[in-house]
Amino acid sequence: MELTYMARGADRKEYGPVTLEQLKAWIQQGRLGANQEVKRSDMDYWAPARDFSEIQPALGSASSGSAEVSVGASASPAPAAQADPAVLSQLKSSASWFYWIAGLSLVNSISAFSGSSWRFIFGLGITQVFDAFGASIQGAGKGVVLVLDLLAAGVFVLFGVFAHKCQAWAFIVGMVLFALDGLVMLFFQDWLGVVFHAVVLFFLFRGFQVCRRLNAGA
């Protein structure tokens, strides 16, 4: 399937989708500048047109004056905004693991509260400990356990939010806490859980490396 593009104007309206050739035509017509925000159909985020390798040749041969859909450049763009879209995609893919950890952990907790023994192997060990404790108590105690599950998952959601914003500390603290959570799996000899933690830590570390390069302006 052919990739298409959207362009965001100074009025914050979105134009498109259009093909690459149509996008290049906008550039030649002076309607699209290098700082114009563009989103490709295989991306879930916006980036300046200058960051797309397939658009750069057209930008080099066209003027970038005022335009119907042109966007002015930011005085001090964030390092991530200047990165190649493929690099940003790798960062966001790694950061999304925090969301998967939180979401699947909550699914496991809901399953446990419903009395089912079914669960994903992908999740937090600490929430499984909370759930096992909750199964042995009655009344308001179960509500407390549910709050603890939500708090644990919420922490990893926050890590995901800041990791998507290229905050290295979110990767570092998240990896440390997830590694400690892996020790819970190791204690209970949940070997599939241990393997899952190791795999996710690998991807999070790759995201941290990308984040560090972006922040260093590489």
Protein backbone atom coordinates (compact mmCIF):
# COMPACT_ATOMS: atom_id res chain seq x y z
CA MET A 1 0.00 0.00 0.00
CA GLU A 2 1.34 3.42 -0.98
CA LEU A 3 2.28 5.72 1.87
CA THR A 4 0.35 8.97 2.19
CA TYR A 5 1.09 12.22 4.03
CA MET A 6 -0.75 14.80 6.10
CA ALA A 7 0.41 18.42 6.56
CA ARG A 8 -0.52 20.67 9.48
CA GLY A 9 -1.08 24.35 8.70
CA ALA A 10 -0.52 27.55 10.65
CA ASP A 11 -4.25 27.50 11.36
CA ARG A 12 -3.65 24.08 13.00
CA LYS A 13 -5.85 22.42 10.39
CA GLU A 14 -4.71 19.19 8.80
CA TYR A 15 -4.38 18.91 5.01
CA GLY A 16 -4.41 15.61 3.17
CA PRO A 17 -3.93 12.74 2.94
CA VAL A 18 -1.85 13.17 -0.22
CA THR A 19 0.80 11.17 -2.03
CA LEU A 20 4.50 11.97 -1.89
CA GLU A 21 4.31 13.49 -5.38
CA GLN A 22 1.49 15.81 -4.33
CA LEU A 23 3.45 16.79 -1.24
CA LYS A 24 6.44 17.65 -3.44
CA ALA A 25 4.13 19.70 -5.65
CA TRP A 26 3.07 21.72 -2.60
CA ILE A 27 6.76 22.38 -1.92
CA GLN A 28 7.37 23.57 -5.47
CA GLN A 29 4.32 25.83 -5.20
CA GLY A 30 5.70 27.37 -2.01
CA ARG A 31 2.85 26.00 0.06
CA LEU A 32 5.02 23.75 2.20
CA GLY A 33 8.18 24.81 4.03
CA ALA A 34 10.93 22.83 5.70
CA ASN A 35 9.50 23.53 9.15
CA GLN A 36 5.98 22.45 8.24
CA GLU A 37 4.74 19.56 10.41
CA VAL A 38 4.09 16.40 8.41
CA LYS A 39 2.79 12.96 9.39
CA ARG A 40 3.27 9.86 7.25
CA SER A 41 0.59 7.15 7.23
CA ASP A 42 2.93 4.63 8.90
CA MET A 43 3.64 7.04 11.80
CA ASP A 44 1.59 8.05 14.83
CA TYR A 45 3.34 11.39 15.44
CA TRP A 46 4.17 14.63 13.58
CA ALA A 47 7.65 15.77 12.52
CA PRO A 48 9.05 18.70 10.49
CA ALA A 49 9.18 18.10 6.73
CA ARG A 50 12.96 18.57 6.80
CA ASP A 51 13.30 15.37 8.86
CA PHE A 52 11.96 13.13 6.08
CA SER A 53 14.73 11.88 3.80
CA GLU A 54 12.30 11.38 0.90
CA ILE A 55 11.16 15.03 1.12
CA GLN A 56 14.57 16.68 1.61
CA PRO A 57 15.56 16.75 -2.11
CA ALA A 58 12.39 18.67 -2.98
CA LEU A 59 12.96 21.10 -0.12
CA GLY A 60 16.47 21.78 -1.35
CA SER A 61 15.24 22.87 -4.77
CA ALA A 62 12.29 24.98 -3.66
CA SER A 63 11.88 28.27 -1.86
CA SER A 64 10.25 28.22 1.57
CA GLY A 65 8.54 31.58 1.77
CA SER A 66 5.21 32.31 3.32
CA ALA A 67 2.62 29.72 2.42
CA GLU A 68 -0.99 28.88 2.83
CA VAL A 69 -0.13 25.90 4.97
CA SER A 70 3.40 26.84 6.09
CA VAL A 71 4.44 26.69 9.71
CA GLY A 72 7.16 28.80 11.29
CA ALA A 73 10.16 27.17 12.91
CA SER A 74 10.46 26.90 16.63
CA ALA A 75 13.23 29.02 18.11
CA SER A 76 14.64 26.10 20.08
CA PRO A 77 13.18 22.76 18.99
CA ALA A 78 13.56 19.79 21.28
CA PRO A 79 16.28 17.30 20.30
CA ALA A 80 13.68 14.62 19.47
CA ALA A 81 11.92 16.94 17.04
CA GLN A 82 15.05 17.13 14.88
CA ALA A 83 15.62 13.38 14.70
CA ASP A 84 15.07 11.09 11.76
CA PRO A 85 11.51 9.70 11.86
CA ALA A 86 12.86 6.14 11.92
CA VAL A 87 14.88 6.93 15.06
CA LEU A 88 11.86 8.51 16.71
CA SER A 89 9.82 5.46 15.81
CA GLN A 90 12.35 3.23 17.57
CA LEU A 91 12.22 5.45 20.66
CA LYS A 92 8.43 5.39 20.80
CA SER A 93 8.30 1.65 20.20
CA SER A 94 10.60 1.04 23.17
CA ALA A 95 8.75 3.54 25.38
CA SER A 96 5.44 1.83 24.58
CA TRP A 97 6.59 -1.22 26.54
CA PHE A 98 5.80 0.73 29.71
CA TYR A 99 2.17 0.94 28.56
CA TRP A 100 2.08 -2.77 27.76
CA ILE A 101 3.46 -3.61 31.21
CA ALA A 102 0.82 -1.48 32.93
CA GLY A 103 -2.08 -2.61 30.75
CA LEU A 104 -1.41 -6.35 30.90
CA SER A 105 -0.78 -6.17 34.65
CA LEU A 106 -4.22 -4.62 35.12
CA VAL A 107 -5.79 -7.32 32.93
CA ASN A 108 -4.16 -9.94 35.16
CA SER A 109 -5.50 -8.20 38.27
CA ILE A 110 -9.03 -8.02 36.88
CA SER A 111 -8.83 -11.71 36.02
CA ALA A 112 -7.68 -12.52 39.55
CA PHE A 113 -10.48 -10.45 41.12
CA SER A 114 -13.03 -12.31 38.99
CA GLY A 115 -11.80 -15.60 40.42
CA SER A 116 -10.16 -16.81 37.24
CA SER A 117 -6.75 -18.47 37.25
CA TRP A 118 -6.06 -17.31 33.68
CA ARG A 119 -3.47 -14.58 33.21
CA PHE A 120 -0.89 -13.15 30.82
CA ILE A 121 2.74 -14.00 31.46
CA PHE A 122 3.40 -10.38 30.49
CA GLY A 123 2.88 -8.29 33.59
CA LEU A 124 4.24 -7.13 36.90
CA GLY A 125 5.19 -9.62 39.57
CA ILE A 126 4.33 -7.22 42.38
CA THR A 127 0.70 -6.92 41.25
CA GLN A 128 0.47 -10.72 41.25
CA VAL A 129 1.63 -10.68 44.86
CA PHE A 130 -1.03 -8.08 45.67
CA ASP A 131 -3.67 -10.18 43.90
CA ALA A 132 -2.70 -13.35 45.75
CA PHE A 133 -2.99 -11.46 49.02
CA GLY A 134 -6.35 -10.01 47.95
CA ALA A 135 -7.71 -13.49 47.25
CA SER A 136 -7.16 -14.41 50.90
CA ILE A 137 -9.05 -11.46 52.41
CA GLN A 138 -12.58 -10.16 52.29
CA GLY A 139 -14.43 -6.86 52.31
CA ALA A 140 -12.67 -3.52 52.07
CA GLY A 141 -9.29 -5.21 51.93
CA LYS A 142 -9.92 -6.19 48.33
CA GLY A 143 -10.49 -2.54 47.47
CA VAL A 144 -7.13 -1.64 48.99
CA VAL A 145 -5.44 -4.32 46.88
CA LEU A 146 -7.11 -2.95 43.76
CA VAL A 147 -5.84 0.55 44.57
CA LEU A 148 -2.32 -0.84 44.98
CA ASP A 149 -2.61 -2.55 41.59
CA LEU A 150 -3.74 0.71 39.99
CA LEU A 151 -0.90 2.64 41.61
CA ALA A 152 1.71 0.14 40.41
CA ALA A 153 0.34 0.23 36.86
CA GLY A 154 -0.01 4.02 36.98
CA VAL A 155 3.68 4.43 37.79
CA PHE A 156 4.61 2.57 34.61
CA VAL A 157 2.12 4.59 32.58
CA LEU A 158 3.91 7.73 33.78
CA PHE A 159 7.24 6.23 32.75
CA GLY A 160 5.75 5.64 29.31
CA VAL A 161 4.53 9.23 29.01
CA PHE A 162 7.91 10.74 29.90
CA ALA A 163 9.87 8.16 27.90
CA HIS A 164 7.87 9.17 24.81
CA LYS A 165 9.02 12.72 25.52
CA CYS A 166 12.64 11.55 25.36
CA GLN A 167 13.25 11.82 29.11
CA ALA A 168 16.18 9.51 29.87
CA TRP A 169 15.39 9.36 33.60
CA ALA A 170 12.07 7.64 32.82
CA PHE A 171 13.90 4.82 31.06
CA ILE A 172 16.49 4.52 33.84
CA VAL A 173 14.08 4.48 36.78
CA GLY A 174 11.63 2.30 34.87
CA MET A 175 14.31 -0.27 34.05
CA VAL A 176 15.53 -0.37 37.65
CA LEU A 177 12.03 -0.91 39.05
CA PHE A 178 11.18 -3.49 36.40
CA ALA A 179 14.43 -5.37 37.09
CA LEU A 180 13.55 -5.43 40.80
CA ASP A 181 10.10 -6.68 39.86
CA GLY A 182 11.81 -9.46 37.95
CA LEU A 183 13.36 -10.61 41.21
CA VAL A 184 9.83 -11.25 42.48
CA MET A 185 9.30 -13.59 39.54
CA LEU A 186 12.64 -15.24 40.26
CA PHE A 187 11.71 -15.74 43.93
CA PHE A 188 8.52 -17.56 42.96
CA GLN A 189 10.36 -19.46 40.18
CA ASP A 190 8.10 -18.09 37.48
CA TRP A 191 10.60 -18.72 34.72
CA LEU A 192 8.39 -17.47 31.88
CA GLY A 193 7.92 -14.24 33.80
CA VAL A 194 11.68 -13.96 34.30
CA VAL A 195 12.30 -14.43 30.57
CA PHE A 196 9.65 -11.82 29.74
CA HIS A 197 11.27 -9.32 32.11
CA ALA A 198 14.66 -9.93 30.49
CA VAL A 199 13.28 -9.40 26.97
CA VAL A 200 11.44 -6.21 27.92
CA LEU A 201 14.51 -4.84 29.71
CA PHE A 202 16.48 -5.38 26.50
CA PHE A 203 14.01 -3.29 24.49
CA LEU A 204 13.84 -0.62 27.18
CA PHE A 205 17.63 -0.39 27.20
CA ARG A 206 17.63 0.08 23.43
CA GLY A 207 15.12 2.89 23.89
CA PHE A 208 17.33 4.46 26.54
CA GLN A 209 20.29 4.39 24.16
CA VAL A 210 18.26 6.13 21.45
CA CYS A 211 17.01 8.66 23.98
CA ARG A 212 20.54 9.44 25.13
CA ARG A 213 21.73 9.95 21.54
CA LEU A 214 18.83 12.29 20.79
CA ASN A 215 19.41 14.34 23.90
CA ALA A 216 23.10 14.58 23.02
CA GLY A 217 22.14 15.94 19.60
CA ALA A 218 23.57 12.95 17.74
